[in-house]
Amino acid sequence: KFDVDTLFFIFYYQQGSHQQYLAARELKRQSWRFHKKYLTWFQRHEEPKSITDEWEQGTYVYFDYEGAWCQRKKGDFRFEYRFLEDAEL
């Protein structure tokens, strides 16, 4: 079992591989959600403040793979479900 930083490394640097698929599956199992517009992983920091059929809004942790290669917190973020990668893994 890998830590979350290792899973992110595998996901972003072994694209198109079976290892990337396994890393994505494990991230989803740990309640991370892939955002197709921002191409990064988000996880609820707390229960959303608002939920509709099309989006939810609240505080999320996201993985900053471009800037500092770390997890950051984003408050009052609206996660639109149309950008949610929801393929079964």
PDB file of N, CA and C in Angstrom:
ATOM      1  N   LYS A   1       0.851  -1.189   0.000  1.00  0.00           N
ATOM      2  CA  LYS A   1       0.000   0.000   0.000  1.00  0.00           C
ATOM      3  C   LYS A   1       0.890   1.244   0.000  1.00  0.00           C
ATOM      4  N   PHE A   2       0.599   2.156  -0.904  1.00  0.00           N
ATOM      5  CA  PHE A   2       1.409   3.363  -1.068  1.00  0.00           C
ATOM      6  C   PHE A   2       0.764   4.543  -0.356  1.00  0.00           C
ATOM      7  N   ASP A   3       1.605   5.510   0.042  1.00  0.00           N
ATOM      8  CA  ASP A   3       1.042   6.733   0.596  1.00  0.00           C
ATOM      9  C   ASP A   3       0.489   7.582  -0.549  1.00  0.00           C
ATOM     10  N   VAL A   4      -0.282   8.590  -0.191  1.00  0.00           N
ATOM     11  CA  VAL A   4      -1.012   9.355  -1.200  1.00  0.00           C
ATOM     12  C   VAL A   4      -0.059  10.100  -2.140  1.00  0.00           C
ATOM     13  N   ASP A   5       1.075  10.595  -1.647  1.00  0.00           N
ATOM     14  CA  ASP A   5       2.032  11.281  -2.523  1.00  0.00           C
ATOM     15  C   ASP A   5       2.582  10.340  -3.587  1.00  0.00           C
ATOM     16  N   THR A   6       2.843   9.113  -3.209  1.00  0.00           N
ATOM     17  CA  THR A   6       3.325   8.125  -4.176  1.00  0.00           C
ATOM     18  C   THR A   6       2.246   7.823  -5.209  1.00  0.00           C
ATOM     19  N   LEU A   7       1.007   7.729  -4.772  1.00  0.00           N
ATOM     20  CA  LEU A   7      -0.092   7.488  -5.713  1.00  0.00           C
ATOM     21  C   LEU A   7      -0.215   8.631  -6.713  1.00  0.00           C
ATOM     22  N   PHE A   8      -0.074   9.870  -6.246  1.00  0.00           N
ATOM     23  CA  PHE A   8      -0.118  11.009  -7.165  1.00  0.00           C
ATOM     24  C   PHE A   8       1.055  10.958  -8.145  1.00  0.00           C
ATOM     25  N   PHE A   9       2.232  10.609  -7.662  1.00  0.00           N
ATOM     26  CA  PHE A   9       3.395  10.505  -8.540  1.00  0.00           C
ATOM     27  C   PHE A   9       3.142   9.476  -9.637  1.00  0.00           C
ATOM     28  N   ILE A  10       2.658   8.318  -9.256  1.00  0.00           N
ATOM     29  CA  ILE A  10       2.358   7.268 -10.234  1.00  0.00           C
ATOM     30  C   ILE A  10       1.307   7.753 -11.221  1.00  0.00           C
ATOM     31  N   PHE A  11       0.260   8.397 -10.721  1.00  0.00           N
ATOM     32  CA  PHE A  11      -0.819   8.856 -11.600  1.00  0.00           C
ATOM     33  C   PHE A  11      -0.307   9.846 -12.641  1.00  0.00           C
ATOM     34  N   TYR A  12       0.479  10.825 -12.234  1.00  0.00           N
ATOM     35  CA  TYR A  12       0.904  11.887 -13.153  1.00  0.00           C
ATOM     36  C   TYR A  12       2.124  11.527 -13.997  1.00  0.00           C
ATOM     37  N   TYR A  13       2.959  10.585 -13.543  1.00  0.00           N
ATOM     38  CA  TYR A  13       4.198  10.304 -14.272  1.00  0.00           C
ATOM     39  C   TYR A  13       4.240   8.938 -14.943  1.00  0.00           C
ATOM     40  N   GLN A  14       3.194   8.162 -14.809  1.00  0.00           N
ATOM     41  CA  GLN A  14       3.137   6.885 -15.518  1.00  0.00           C
ATOM     42  C   GLN A  14       1.837   6.821 -16.315  1.00  0.00           C
ATOM     43  N   GLN A  15       1.582   7.886 -17.067  1.00  0.00           N
ATOM     44  CA  GLN A  15       0.322   8.008 -17.794  1.00  0.00           C
ATOM     45  C   GLN A  15       0.178   6.907 -18.840  1.00  0.00           C
ATOM     46  N   GLY A  16      -1.033   6.399 -18.929  1.00  0.00           N
ATOM     47  CA  GLY A  16      -1.346   5.357 -19.894  1.00  0.00           C
ATOM     48  C   GLY A  16      -0.935   3.964 -19.459  1.00  0.00           C
ATOM     49  N   SER A  17      -0.416   3.836 -18.248  1.00  0.00           N
ATOM     50  CA  SER A  17       0.059   2.535 -17.775  1.00  0.00           C
ATOM     51  C   SER A  17      -0.980   1.874 -16.869  1.00  0.00           C
ATOM     52  N   HIS A  18      -0.772   0.598 -16.656  1.00  0.00           N
ATOM     53  CA  HIS A  18      -1.623  -0.128 -15.714  1.00  0.00           C
ATOM     54  C   HIS A  18      -1.419   0.425 -14.297  1.00  0.00           C
ATOM     55  N   GLN A  19      -0.197   0.866 -13.995  1.00  0.00           N
ATOM     56  CA  GLN A  19       0.087   1.450 -12.686  1.00  0.00           C
ATOM     57  C   GLN A  19      -0.732   2.720 -12.468  1.00  0.00           C
ATOM     58  N   GLN A  20      -0.902   3.527 -13.531  1.00  0.00           N
ATOM     59  CA  GLN A  20      -1.723   4.735 -13.408  1.00  0.00           C
ATOM     60  C   GLN A  20      -3.162   4.353 -13.073  1.00  0.00           C
ATOM     61  N   TYR A  21      -3.678   3.360 -13.747  1.00  0.00           N
ATOM     62  CA  TYR A  21      -5.031   2.872 -13.473  1.00  0.00           C
ATOM     63  C   TYR A  21      -5.158   2.431 -12.009  1.00  0.00           C
ATOM     64  N   LEU A  22      -4.183   1.664 -11.524  1.00  0.00           N
ATOM     65  CA  LEU A  22      -4.242   1.184 -10.139  1.00  0.00           C
ATOM     66  C   LEU A  22      -4.142   2.343  -9.146  1.00  0.00           C
ATOM     67  N   ALA A  23      -3.299   3.333  -9.453  1.00  0.00           N
ATOM     68  CA  ALA A  23      -3.184   4.505  -8.575  1.00  0.00           C
ATOM     69  C   ALA A  23      -4.504   5.267  -8.535  1.00  0.00           C
ATOM     70  N   ALA A  24      -5.133   5.469  -9.696  1.00  0.00           N
ATOM     71  CA  ALA A  24      -6.421   6.171  -9.752  1.00  0.00           C
ATOM     72  C   ALA A  24      -7.482   5.404  -8.970  1.00  0.00           C
ATOM     73  N   ARG A  25      -7.479   4.100  -9.111  1.00  0.00           N
ATOM     74  CA  ARG A  25      -8.460   3.284  -8.390  1.00  0.00           C
ATOM     75  C   ARG A  25      -8.280   3.425  -6.878  1.00  0.00           C
ATOM     76  N   GLU A  26      -7.037   3.432  -6.424  1.00  0.00           N
ATOM     77  CA  GLU A  26      -6.778   3.569  -4.987  1.00  0.00           C
ATOM     78  C   GLU A  26      -7.120   4.974  -4.491  1.00  0.00           C
ATOM     79  N   LEU A  27      -6.817   6.004  -5.286  1.00  0.00           N
ATOM     80  CA  LEU A  27      -7.187   7.370  -4.897  1.00  0.00           C
ATOM     81  C   LEU A  27      -8.703   7.492  -4.766  1.00  0.00           C
ATOM     82  N   LYS A  28      -9.431   6.913  -5.712  1.00  0.00           N
ATOM     83  CA  LYS A  28     -10.899   6.953  -5.620  1.00  0.00           C
ATOM     84  C   LYS A  28     -11.385   6.202  -4.384  1.00  0.00           C
ATOM     85  N   ARG A  29     -10.724   5.088  -4.075  1.00  0.00           N
ATOM     86  CA  ARG A  29     -11.106   4.320  -2.889  1.00  0.00           C
ATOM     87  C   ARG A  29     -10.908   5.154  -1.620  1.00  0.00           C
ATOM     88  N   GLN A  30      -9.935   6.057  -1.653  1.00  0.00           N
ATOM     89  CA  GLN A  30      -9.658   6.929  -0.512  1.00  0.00           C
ATOM     90  C   GLN A  30     -10.447   8.242  -0.589  1.00  0.00           C
ATOM     91  N   SER A  31     -11.496   8.259  -1.397  1.00  0.00           N
ATOM     92  CA  SER A  31     -12.438   9.388  -1.512  1.00  0.00           C
ATOM     93  C   SER A  31     -11.875  10.608  -2.232  1.00  0.00           C
ATOM     94  N   TRP A  32     -10.841  10.427  -3.036  1.00  0.00           N
ATOM     95  CA  TRP A  32     -10.385  11.502  -3.909  1.00  0.00           C
ATOM     96  C   TRP A  32     -11.223  11.461  -5.176  1.00  0.00           C
ATOM     97  N   ARG A  33     -11.482  12.630  -5.758  1.00  0.00           N
ATOM     98  CA  ARG A  33     -12.283  12.737  -6.987  1.00  0.00           C
ATOM     99  C   ARG A  33     -11.471  13.503  -8.022  1.00  0.00           C
ATOM    100  N   PHE A  34     -11.443  12.992  -9.242  1.00  0.00           N
ATOM    101  CA  PHE A  34     -10.667  13.647 -10.296  1.00  0.00           C
ATOM    102  C   PHE A  34     -11.529  14.676 -11.015  1.00  0.00           C
ATOM    103  N   HIS A  35     -11.009  15.900 -11.114  1.00  0.00           N
ATOM    104  CA  HIS A  35     -11.705  17.014 -11.768  1.00  0.00           C
ATOM    105  C   HIS A  35     -11.170  17.125 -13.196  1.00  0.00           C
ATOM    106  N   LYS A  36     -12.030  16.886 -14.192  1.00  0.00           N
ATOM    107  CA  LYS A  36     -11.595  16.839 -15.588  1.00  0.00           C
ATOM    108  C   LYS A  36     -11.216  18.201 -16.151  1.00  0.00           C
ATOM    109  N   LYS A  37     -11.734  19.286 -15.608  1.00  0.00           N
ATOM    110  CA  LYS A  37     -11.366  20.618 -16.098  1.00  0.00           C
ATOM    111  C   LYS A  37      -9.992  21.027 -15.572  1.00  0.00           C
ATOM    112  N   TYR A  38      -9.762  20.827 -14.279  1.00  0.00           N
ATOM    113  CA  TYR A  38      -8.493  21.231 -13.664  1.00  0.00           C
ATOM    114  C   TYR A  38      -7.442  20.119 -13.683  1.00  0.00           C
ATOM    115  N   LEU A  39      -7.849  18.918 -14.095  1.00  0.00           N
ATOM    116  CA  LEU A  39      -6.950  17.762 -14.210  1.00  0.00           C
ATOM    117  C   LEU A  39      -6.199  17.473 -12.913  1.00  0.00           C
ATOM    118  N   THR A  40      -6.916  17.626 -11.820  1.00  0.00           N
ATOM    119  CA  THR A  40      -6.313  17.322 -10.525  1.00  0.00           C
ATOM    120  C   THR A  40      -7.331  16.636  -9.615  1.00  0.00           C
ATOM    121  N   TRP A  41      -6.836  16.148  -8.514  1.00  0.00           N
ATOM    122  CA  TRP A  41      -7.648  15.392  -7.568  1.00  0.00           C
ATOM    123  C   TRP A  41      -8.128  16.286  -6.434  1.00  0.00           C
ATOM    124  N   PHE A  42      -9.390  16.113  -6.073  1.00  0.00           N
ATOM    125  CA  PHE A  42     -10.010  16.848  -4.972  1.00  0.00           C
ATOM    126  C   PHE A  42     -10.577  15.851  -3.970  1.00  0.00           C
ATOM    127  N   GLN A  43     -10.609  16.273  -2.713  1.00  0.00           N
ATOM    128  CA  GLN A  43     -11.229  15.481  -1.653  1.00  0.00           C
ATOM    129  C   GLN A  43     -11.976  16.446  -0.741  1.00  0.00           C
ATOM    130  N   ARG A  44     -13.154  16.055  -0.322  1.00  0.00           N
ATOM    131  CA  ARG A  44     -13.899  16.910   0.608  1.00  0.00           C
ATOM    132  C   ARG A  44     -13.097  17.086   1.894  1.00  0.00           C
ATOM    133  N   HIS A  45     -12.976  18.330   2.332  1.00  0.00           N
ATOM    134  CA  HIS A  45     -12.344  18.616   3.624  1.00  0.00           C
ATOM    135  C   HIS A  45     -13.380  18.508   4.741  1.00  0.00           C
ATOM    136  N   GLU A  46     -14.621  18.787   4.378  1.00  0.00           N
ATOM    137  CA  GLU A  46     -15.762  18.701   5.294  1.00  0.00           C
ATOM    138  C   GLU A  46     -17.002  18.468   4.439  1.00  0.00           C
ATOM    139  N   GLU A  47     -18.107  18.241   5.061  1.00  0.00           N
ATOM    140  CA  GLU A  47     -19.345  18.075   4.300  1.00  0.00           C
ATOM    141  C   GLU A  47     -19.649  19.363   3.537  1.00  0.00           C
ATOM    142  N   PRO A  48     -20.127  19.250   2.293  1.00  0.00           N
ATOM    143  CA  PRO A  48     -20.432  20.451   1.505  1.00  0.00           C
ATOM    144  C   PRO A  48     -21.469  21.330   2.188  1.00  0.00           C
ATOM    145  N   LYS A  49     -21.322  22.638   1.992  1.00  0.00           N
ATOM    146  CA  LYS A  49     -22.285  23.603   2.534  1.00  0.00           C
ATOM    147  C   LYS A  49     -23.579  23.590   1.728  1.00  0.00           C
ATOM    148  N   SER A  50     -23.450  23.358   0.415  1.00  0.00           N
ATOM    149  CA  SER A  50     -24.610  23.318  -0.480  1.00  0.00           C
ATOM    150  C   SER A  50     -24.447  22.165  -1.457  1.00  0.00           C
ATOM    151  N   ILE A  51     -25.550  21.499  -1.765  1.00  0.00           N
ATOM    152  CA  ILE A  51     -25.546  20.422  -2.754  1.00  0.00           C
ATOM    153  C   ILE A  51     -26.787  20.574  -3.621  1.00  0.00           C
ATOM    154  N   THR A  52     -26.589  20.523  -4.942  1.00  0.00           N
ATOM    155  CA  THR A  52     -27.704  20.496  -5.886  1.00  0.00           C
ATOM    156  C   THR A  52     -27.517  19.270  -6.773  1.00  0.00           C
ATOM    157  N   ASP A  53     -28.378  19.114  -7.762  1.00  0.00           N
ATOM    158  CA  ASP A  53     -28.217  18.011  -8.708  1.00  0.00           C
ATOM    159  C   ASP A  53     -27.009  18.213  -9.618  1.00  0.00           C
ATOM    160  N   GLU A  54     -26.540  19.462  -9.747  1.00  0.00           N
ATOM    161  CA  GLU A  54     -25.473  19.768 -10.698  1.00  0.00           C
ATOM    162  C   GLU A  54     -24.120  20.066 -10.056  1.00  0.00           C
ATOM    163  N   TRP A  55     -24.089  20.408  -8.785  1.00  0.00           N
ATOM    164  CA  TRP A  55     -22.827  20.756  -8.129  1.00  0.00           C
ATOM    165  C   TRP A  55     -22.953  20.647  -6.619  1.00  0.00           C
ATOM    166  N   GLU A  56     -21.793  20.705  -5.982  1.00  0.00           N
ATOM    167  CA  GLU A  56     -21.739  20.841  -4.530  1.00  0.00           C
ATOM    168  C   GLU A  56     -20.686  21.900  -4.226  1.00  0.00           C
ATOM    169  N   GLN A  57     -20.858  22.584  -3.109  1.00  0.00           N
ATOM    170  CA  GLN A  57     -19.951  23.683  -2.770  1.00  0.00           C
ATOM    171  C   GLN A  57     -19.530  23.564  -1.321  1.00  0.00           C
ATOM    172  N   GLY A  58     -18.238  23.768  -1.099  1.00  0.00           N
ATOM    173  CA  GLY A  58     -17.707  23.691   0.254  1.00  0.00           C
ATOM    174  C   GLY A  58     -16.198  23.808   0.234  1.00  0.00           C
ATOM    175  N   THR A  59     -15.565  23.284   1.269  1.00  0.00           N
ATOM    176  CA  THR A  59     -14.113  23.322   1.377  1.00  0.00           C
ATOM    177  C   THR A  59     -13.550  21.973   0.952  1.00  0.00           C
ATOM    178  N   TYR A  60     -12.552  22.035   0.076  1.00  0.00           N
ATOM    179  CA  TYR A  60     -11.926  20.836  -0.471  1.00  0.00           C
ATOM    180  C   TYR A  60     -10.420  20.912  -0.296  1.00  0.00           C
ATOM    181  N   VAL A  61      -9.807  19.758  -0.260  1.00  0.00           N
ATOM    182  CA  VAL A  61      -8.361  19.643  -0.373  1.00  0.00           C
ATOM    183  C   VAL A  61      -8.110  19.218  -1.811  1.00  0.00           C
ATOM    184  N   TYR A  62      -7.129  19.848  -2.456  1.00  0.00           N
ATOM    185  CA  TYR A  62      -6.785  19.434  -3.818  1.00  0.00           C
ATOM    186  C   TYR A  62      -5.283  19.228  -3.908  1.00  0.00           C
ATOM    187  N   PHE A  63      -4.875  18.452  -4.903  1.00  0.00           N
ATOM    188  CA  PHE A  63      -3.456  18.185  -5.084  1.00  0.00           C
ATOM    189  C   PHE A  63      -2.898  19.132  -6.132  1.00  0.00           C
ATOM    190  N   ASP A  64      -1.965  19.979  -5.713  1.00  0.00           N
ATOM    191  CA  ASP A  64      -1.321  20.957  -6.593  1.00  0.00           C
ATOM    192  C   ASP A  64      -0.130  20.278  -7.266  1.00  0.00           C
ATOM    193  N   TYR A  65      -0.389  19.643  -8.410  1.00  0.00           N
ATOM    194  CA  TYR A  65       0.670  18.901  -9.088  1.00  0.00           C
ATOM    195  C   TYR A  65       1.550  19.801  -9.947  1.00  0.00           C
ATOM    196  N   GLU A  66       1.071  20.989 -10.305  1.00  0.00           N
ATOM    197  CA  GLU A  66       1.846  21.879 -11.170  1.00  0.00           C
ATOM    198  C   GLU A  66       2.747  22.816 -10.379  1.00  0.00           C
ATOM    199  N   GLY A  67       2.257  23.303  -9.265  1.00  0.00           N
ATOM    200  CA  GLY A  67       2.996  24.313  -8.512  1.00  0.00           C
ATOM    201  C   GLY A  67       3.987  23.735  -7.531  1.00  0.00           C
ATOM    202  N   ALA A  68       3.497  23.276  -6.405  1.00  0.00           N
ATOM    203  CA  ALA A  68       4.381  22.891  -5.302  1.00  0.00           C
ATOM    204  C   ALA A  68       4.371  21.400  -5.001  1.00  0.00           C
ATOM    205  N   TRP A  69       3.624  20.600  -5.773  1.00  0.00           N
ATOM    206  CA  TRP A  69       3.519  19.158  -5.543  1.00  0.00           C
ATOM    207  C   TRP A  69       3.135  18.897  -4.087  1.00  0.00           C
ATOM    208  N   CYS A  70       1.978  19.473  -3.700  1.00  0.00           N
ATOM    209  CA  CYS A  70       1.508  19.307  -2.328  1.00  0.00           C
ATOM    210  C   CYS A  70      -0.016  19.426  -2.308  1.00  0.00           C
ATOM    211  N   GLN A  71      -0.584  19.087  -1.164  1.00  0.00           N
ATOM    212  CA  GLN A  71      -2.017  19.249  -0.975  1.00  0.00           C
ATOM    213  C   GLN A  71      -2.289  20.659  -0.467  1.00  0.00           C
ATOM    214  N   ARG A  72      -3.335  21.267  -1.012  1.00  0.00           N
ATOM    215  CA  ARG A  72      -3.736  22.612  -0.604  1.00  0.00           C
ATOM    216  C   ARG A  72      -5.234  22.601  -0.298  1.00  0.00           C
ATOM    217  N   LYS A  73      -5.658  23.568   0.486  1.00  0.00           N
ATOM    218  CA  LYS A  73      -7.076  23.682   0.827  1.00  0.00           C
ATOM    219  C   LYS A  73      -7.704  24.802   0.012  1.00  0.00           C
ATOM    220  N   LYS A  74      -8.913  24.552  -0.490  1.00  0.00           N
ATOM    221  CA  LYS A  74      -9.653  25.552  -1.270  1.00  0.00           C
ATOM    222  C   LYS A  74     -11.027  25.696  -0.641  1.00  0.00           C
ATOM    223  N   GLY A  75     -11.296  26.869  -0.071  1.00  0.00           N
ATOM    224  CA  GLY A  75     -12.584  27.125   0.557  1.00  0.00           C
ATOM    225  C   GLY A  75     -13.600  27.642  -0.439  1.00  0.00           C
ATOM    226  N   ASP A  76     -14.853  27.406  -0.156  1.00  0.00           N
ATOM    227  CA  ASP A  76     -15.962  27.914  -0.961  1.00  0.00           C
ATOM    228  C   ASP A  76     -15.818  27.545  -2.439  1.00  0.00           C
ATOM    229  N   PHE A  77     -15.386  26.305  -2.687  1.00  0.00           N
ATOM    230  CA  PHE A  77     -15.191  25.822  -4.054  1.00  0.00           C
ATOM    231  C   PHE A  77     -16.458  25.130  -4.540  1.00  0.00           C
ATOM    232  N   ARG A  78     -16.853  25.428  -5.758  1.00  0.00           N
ATOM    233  CA  ARG A  78     -18.009  24.768  -6.363  1.00  0.00           C
ATOM    234  C   ARG A  78     -17.512  23.668  -7.293  1.00  0.00           C
ATOM    235  N   PHE A  79     -17.776  22.422  -6.923  1.00  0.00           N
ATOM    236  CA  PHE A  79     -17.392  21.270  -7.737  1.00  0.00           C
ATOM    237  C   PHE A  79     -18.594  20.900  -8.598  1.00  0.00           C
ATOM    238  N   GLU A  80     -18.504  21.226  -9.876  1.00  0.00           N
ATOM    239  CA  GLU A  80     -19.587  20.908 -10.802  1.00  0.00           C
ATOM    240  C   GLU A  80     -19.455  19.451 -11.222  1.00  0.00           C
ATOM    241  N   TYR A  81     -20.547  18.703 -11.075  1.00  0.00           N
ATOM    242  CA  TYR A  81     -20.510  17.273 -11.336  1.00  0.00           C
ATOM    243  C   TYR A  81     -20.181  16.943 -12.789  1.00  0.00           C
ATOM    244  N   ARG A  82     -20.422  17.877 -13.717  1.00  0.00           N
ATOM    245  CA  ARG A  82     -20.103  17.593 -15.125  1.00  0.00           C
ATOM    246  C   ARG A  82     -18.594  17.445 -15.330  1.00  0.00           C
ATOM    247  N   PHE A  83     -17.799  17.941 -14.385  1.00  0.00           N
ATOM    248  CA  PHE A  83     -16.345  17.803 -14.475  1.00  0.00           C
ATOM    249  C   PHE A  83     -15.814  16.636 -13.645  1.00  0.00           C
ATOM    250  N   LEU A  84     -16.700  15.891 -13.023  1.00  0.00           N
ATOM    251  CA  LEU A  84     -16.298  14.754 -12.203  1.00  0.00           C
ATOM    252  C   LEU A  84     -16.024  13.546 -13.095  1.00  0.00           C
ATOM    253  N   GLU A  85     -14.828  12.998 -12.970  1.00  0.00           N
ATOM    254  CA  GLU A  85     -14.517  11.746 -13.663  1.00  0.00           C
ATOM    255  C   GLU A  85     -15.156  10.635 -12.844  1.00  0.00           C
ATOM    256  N   ASP A  86     -16.198  10.045 -13.404  1.00  0.00           N
ATOM    257  CA  ASP A  86     -16.940   9.056 -12.616  1.00  0.00           C
ATOM    258  C   ASP A  86     -16.905   7.667 -13.233  1.00  0.00           C
ATOM    259  N   ALA A  87     -15.906   7.412 -14.064  1.00  0.00           N
ATOM    260  CA  ALA A  87     -15.782   6.082 -14.654  1.00  0.00           C
ATOM    261  C   ALA A  87     -15.524   5.059 -13.550  1.00  0.00           C
ATOM    262  N   GLU A  88     -16.108   3.906 -13.708  1.00  0.00           N
ATOM    263  CA  GLU A  88     -15.866   2.827 -12.750  1.00  0.00           C
ATOM    264  C   GLU A  88     -14.455   2.299 -12.947  1.00  0.00           C
ATOM    265  N   LEU A  89     -13.734   2.159 -11.866  1.00  0.00           N
ATOM    266  CA  LEU A  89     -12.368   1.626 -11.951  1.00  0.00           C
ATOM    267  C   LEU A  89     -12.309   0.281 -11.257  1.00  0.00           C
TER     268      LEU A  89
END
